[in-house]
């Protein structure tokens, strides 16, 4: 099965998947709604988002994973780094329609908060109307752990170096995810 890559750059995007296949939807530092509607069996949709926010940047993103067909799969993975006085309002909906039996849907949002003035609001939402499905969602937010920074400093790094390596390692999770989905040449601008 070949993989189709879709990069989202605009404000509001609706993707409708009517043919079996594997699809990767990537977005970064945008506001708006990204809606993925699965209307065919044997569709795999991976949504991958990265927010690297500085200064007073503010984003508001809403994602929708709507399963209308049975035997479908979706996986949302959003990472955010909030620095300075930046902010992110994230809400993500997984909706499994009554006829979408034996569908699988996942949603994961991880946020690294690097400043007391930065703010992240994360709201995962599940609406499950079918009775034979597998769905999970989760969200974590917090600073770089003091133990992690201390460990790196004990190995000779300065605090700024340890912080930067920790941030790069956090972002690397997105690049690894994209690579595992066949997008090995992703430009890390």
Protein backbone atom coordinates (compact mmCIF):
# COMPACT_ATOMS: atom_id res chain seq x y z
CA UNK A 1 0.00 0.00 0.00
CA UNK A 2 1.54 3.33 -1.02
CA UNK A 3 1.41 6.34 1.28
CA UNK A 4 -0.05 9.69 0.24
CA UNK A 5 1.39 12.77 2.01
CA UNK A 6 -0.70 15.88 2.56
CA UNK A 7 0.74 19.09 4.03
CA UNK A 8 -1.76 21.52 5.52
CA UNK A 9 -0.84 25.21 5.28
CA UNK A 10 -4.20 26.95 5.26
CA UNK A 11 -6.65 27.96 7.93
CA UNK A 12 -9.50 25.48 7.45
CA UNK A 13 -9.06 22.15 5.77
CA UNK A 14 -11.39 19.26 5.24
CA UNK A 15 -9.95 16.02 3.91
CA UNK A 16 -12.39 13.30 2.89
CA UNK A 17 -10.95 9.81 2.41
CA UNK A 18 -13.08 7.68 0.09
CA UNK A 19 -10.50 5.14 -1.12
CA UNK A 20 -8.62 2.54 0.92
CA UNK A 21 -5.03 3.56 1.56
CA UNK A 22 -2.52 5.10 3.92
CA UNK A 23 -2.49 8.89 4.30
CA UNK A 24 -0.20 11.18 6.30
CA UNK A 25 -1.44 14.70 7.05
CA UNK A 26 1.21 17.11 8.40
CA UNK A 27 0.69 20.59 9.83
CA UNK A 28 2.85 23.06 11.73
CA UNK A 29 2.23 26.41 13.43
CA UNK A 30 -1.22 27.06 11.93
CA UNK A 31 -4.57 28.00 13.37
CA UNK A 32 -7.95 26.74 12.19
CA UNK A 33 -9.75 23.43 11.79
CA UNK A 34 -8.38 20.26 10.26
CA UNK A 35 -11.15 17.77 9.59
CA UNK A 36 -10.44 14.24 8.38
CA UNK A 37 -13.53 12.29 7.40
CA UNK A 38 -13.05 8.58 6.72
CA UNK A 39 -15.76 7.25 4.40
CA UNK A 40 -14.15 4.00 3.28
CA UNK A 41 -13.03 0.78 4.88
CA UNK A 42 -9.29 0.08 5.11
CA UNK A 43 -8.30 3.73 5.36
CA UNK A 44 -5.35 4.63 7.60
CA UNK A 45 -4.95 8.34 8.41
CA UNK A 46 -2.04 9.71 10.41
CA UNK A 47 -2.23 13.37 11.48
CA UNK A 48 1.08 14.78 12.70
CA UNK A 49 1.46 18.32 14.04
CA UNK A 50 4.36 20.33 15.42
CA UNK A 51 4.08 23.72 17.12
CA UNK A 52 7.35 25.50 17.94
CA UNK A 53 6.16 28.78 19.45
CA UNK A 54 8.13 31.82 20.58
CA UNK A 55 7.54 35.45 21.56
CA UNK A 56 3.79 36.13 21.68
CA UNK A 57 2.74 33.70 18.94
CA UNK A 58 -0.76 32.37 19.54
CA UNK A 59 -2.44 29.47 17.75
CA UNK A 60 -5.85 27.89 18.03
CA UNK A 61 -6.25 24.51 16.35
CA UNK A 62 -9.18 22.10 16.28
CA UNK A 63 -8.79 18.65 14.74
CA UNK A 64 -11.50 16.18 13.81
CA UNK A 65 -11.08 12.47 13.16
CA UNK A 66 -14.51 11.37 11.92
CA UNK A 67 -14.98 7.68 11.19
CA UNK A 68 -18.04 6.99 9.03
CA UNK A 69 -16.87 3.61 7.69
CA UNK A 70 -16.03 0.40 9.55
CA UNK A 71 -12.53 -1.11 9.73
CA UNK A 72 -10.84 2.29 9.58
CA UNK A 73 -7.87 3.74 11.48
CA UNK A 74 -6.75 7.22 12.53
CA UNK A 75 -3.85 8.41 14.68
CA UNK A 76 -3.30 12.03 15.75
CA UNK A 77 0.06 13.08 17.21
CA UNK A 78 0.60 16.77 18.10
CA UNK A 79 3.64 18.15 19.91
CA UNK A 80 3.99 21.76 21.05
CA UNK A 81 6.86 23.78 22.48
CA UNK A 82 5.63 26.95 24.19
CA UNK A 83 8.24 29.60 25.01
CA UNK A 84 8.15 33.25 26.10
CA UNK A 85 4.48 34.38 26.18
CA UNK A 86 3.25 32.11 23.38
CA UNK A 87 0.01 30.15 23.60
CA UNK A 88 -1.76 27.19 22.05
CA UNK A 89 -5.43 26.26 22.36
CA UNK A 90 -5.82 22.70 21.08
CA UNK A 91 -9.01 20.68 20.87
CA UNK A 92 -9.22 17.33 19.14
CA UNK A 93 -12.38 15.38 18.38
CA UNK A 94 -12.56 11.67 17.64
CA UNK A 95 -16.04 10.77 16.43
CA UNK A 96 -16.94 7.17 15.62
CA UNK A 97 -20.28 6.95 13.83
CA UNK A 98 -22.69 4.10 14.57
CA UNK A 99 -21.80 2.21 11.36
CA UNK A 100 -18.01 2.54 11.87
CA UNK A 101 -17.66 -0.71 13.81
CA UNK A 102 -14.19 -2.16 14.43
CA UNK A 103 -12.50 1.18 13.88
CA UNK A 104 -9.40 2.28 15.76
CA UNK A 105 -8.65 5.90 16.68
CA UNK A 106 -5.84 7.40 18.71
CA UNK A 107 -5.08 10.92 19.85
CA UNK A 108 -1.94 12.13 21.65
CA UNK A 109 -0.95 15.71 22.50
CA UNK A 110 2.30 16.51 24.34
CA UNK A 111 3.27 20.05 25.33
CA UNK A 112 6.61 21.34 26.56
CA UNK A 113 6.15 24.59 28.48
CA UNK A 114 9.40 26.58 28.74
CA UNK A 115 8.19 29.80 30.37
CA UNK A 116 5.89 30.83 33.20
CA UNK A 117 4.21 33.19 30.73
CA UNK A 118 3.52 30.49 28.11
CA UNK A 119 0.10 28.81 28.07
CA UNK A 120 -1.31 25.63 26.54
CA UNK A 121 -4.93 24.49 26.74
CA UNK A 122 -5.46 20.92 25.53
CA UNK A 123 -8.91 19.34 25.21
CA UNK A 124 -9.26 15.84 23.78
CA UNK A 125 -12.87 14.86 22.98
CA UNK A 126 -14.34 11.41 22.26
CA UNK A 127 -17.77 10.83 20.73
CA UNK A 128 -18.30 7.12 20.24
CA UNK A 129 -21.61 5.97 18.78
CA UNK A 130 -20.48 2.44 17.81
CA UNK A 131 -20.03 -0.37 20.30
CA UNK A 132 -17.13 -2.37 18.80
CA UNK A 133 -14.22 0.09 18.54
CA UNK A 134 -10.85 0.86 20.10
CA UNK A 135 -10.14 4.51 20.99
CA UNK A 136 -7.62 6.23 23.23
CA UNK A 137 -6.65 9.81 23.90
CA UNK A 138 -4.17 11.56 26.11
CA UNK A 139 -2.53 14.87 26.81
CA UNK A 140 0.49 15.94 28.86
CA UNK A 141 1.90 19.40 29.57
CA UNK A 142 4.86 20.54 31.60
CA UNK A 143 8.42 21.85 31.70
CA UNK A 144 11.62 19.93 31.00
CA UNK A 145 12.20 17.79 34.07
CA UNK A 146 14.85 19.01 36.50
CA UNK A 147 16.22 15.46 36.63
CA UNK A 148 16.77 15.42 32.88
CA UNK A 149 18.57 18.77 32.95
CA UNK A 150 20.67 17.71 35.94
CA UNK A 151 21.62 14.44 34.22
CA UNK A 152 22.85 16.32 31.13
CA UNK A 153 24.73 18.87 33.23
CA UNK A 154 26.51 16.05 35.11
CA UNK A 155 27.83 14.98 31.72
CA UNK A 156 29.45 18.35 31.11
CA UNK A 157 26.74 20.39 29.39
CA UNK A 158 25.83 23.89 30.48
CA UNK A 159 22.22 24.59 31.44
CA UNK A 160 21.49 26.34 28.10
CA UNK A 161 23.05 23.41 26.19
CA UNK A 162 21.09 20.85 28.24
CA UNK A 163 17.88 22.81 27.65
CA UNK A 164 18.47 23.05 23.89
CA UNK A 165 19.29 19.33 23.57
CA UNK A 166 16.13 18.47 25.52
CA UNK A 167 14.03 20.66 23.20
CA UNK A 168 15.60 19.12 20.10
CA UNK A 169 15.01 15.64 21.51
CA UNK A 170 11.37 16.50 22.14
CA UNK A 171 10.93 17.72 18.53
CA UNK A 172 12.80 14.64 17.25
CA UNK A 173 9.77 12.55 18.22
CA UNK A 174 7.80 14.22 15.40
CA UNK A 175 10.60 13.70 12.88
CA UNK A 176 10.89 10.04 13.94
CA UNK A 177 7.12 9.60 13.54
CA UNK A 178 7.21 11.13 10.05
CA UNK A 179 10.19 8.96 9.12
CA UNK A 180 8.44 5.80 10.35
CA UNK A 181 5.49 6.72 8.12
CA UNK A 182 7.71 6.97 5.05
CA UNK A 183 8.40 10.69 5.05
CA UNK A 184 12.16 10.30 5.59
CA UNK A 185 13.19 13.48 3.81
CA UNK A 186 11.13 15.87 5.93
CA UNK A 187 12.68 19.37 5.94
CA UNK A 188 13.21 20.38 9.58
CA UNK A 189 13.13 24.16 9.02
